[in-house]
Protein backbone atom coordinates (compact mmCIF):
# COMPACT_ATOMS: atom_id res chain seq x y z
CA MET A 1 0.00 0.00 0.00
CA ARG A 2 1.33 3.43 -0.92
CA VAL A 3 0.18 6.66 0.73
CA LEU A 4 0.90 10.04 -0.78
CA SER A 5 0.98 13.05 1.46
CA ARG A 6 1.12 16.69 0.52
CA ASN A 7 2.18 19.16 3.20
CA ARG A 8 1.45 22.82 2.83
CA THR A 9 3.33 25.27 5.05
CA LEU A 10 1.82 28.70 5.59
CA LEU A 11 4.23 31.43 6.60
CA PRO A 12 3.02 34.22 8.87
CA THR A 13 2.00 37.35 6.96
CA ALA A 14 1.31 40.86 8.24
CA SER A 15 -0.87 43.57 6.72
CA ILE A 16 -2.30 46.91 7.79
CA LEU A 17 -6.09 47.28 7.56
CA GLY A 18 -7.44 49.87 5.15
CA ALA A 19 -6.46 51.27 1.79
CA PRO A 20 -2.82 51.19 0.69
CA ASP A 21 -2.62 55.00 0.93
CA LEU A 22 -3.60 56.99 4.00
CA HIS A 23 -3.66 60.80 3.93
CA VAL A 24 -3.89 62.69 7.22
CA ASP A 25 -3.30 66.26 8.28
CA LYS A 26 0.01 67.10 9.95
CA GLY A 27 -0.24 66.66 13.71
CA SER A 28 -3.30 64.41 13.48
CA THR A 29 -3.57 61.17 15.42
CA ILE A 30 -3.92 57.97 13.41
CA ASN A 31 -4.78 54.42 14.39
CA LEU A 32 -3.09 51.61 12.45
CA THR A 33 -4.30 48.06 12.86
CA CYS A 34 -1.88 45.29 11.94
CA ILE A 35 -3.35 41.88 11.15
CA ILE A 36 -1.04 38.86 11.40
CA LYS A 37 -2.27 35.66 9.76
CA TYR A 38 -1.00 32.10 9.83
CA SER A 39 1.07 32.53 13.00
CA PRO A 40 1.03 29.50 15.31
CA GLU A 41 0.90 31.86 18.32
CA PRO A 42 0.65 35.63 18.88
CA PRO A 43 3.97 37.42 18.31
CA ALA A 44 5.93 38.51 21.37
CA TYR A 45 6.58 41.91 19.75
CA ILE A 46 5.97 43.87 16.55
CA PHE A 47 8.36 46.42 15.06
CA TRP A 48 6.86 49.51 13.42
CA TYR A 49 8.95 51.71 11.13
CA HIS A 50 8.25 55.11 9.58
CA HIS A 51 10.73 56.47 7.03
CA ASP A 52 13.24 53.77 8.07
CA GLU A 53 13.05 54.88 11.73
CA TRP A 54 11.82 52.52 14.44
CA ARG A 55 8.76 53.74 16.34
CA GLU A 56 7.76 52.50 19.76
CA LEU A 57 3.99 52.18 19.66
CA GLU A 58 1.36 51.00 22.06
CA ILE A 59 0.10 47.47 21.49
CA GLY A 60 -3.37 46.79 22.70
């Protein structure tokens, strides 16, 4: 007897909700929501960057 098996590995992916472009007035507050799919467990941390600079943001 021969059994064929096909494994499919899904890598975690991250995306930000909303349209690809977001225009806001200078000094305005924005709320970005990051969705992470296919992760076996919630990430311990998330790095956010703006213009190649790391930003420490509240996770909640």
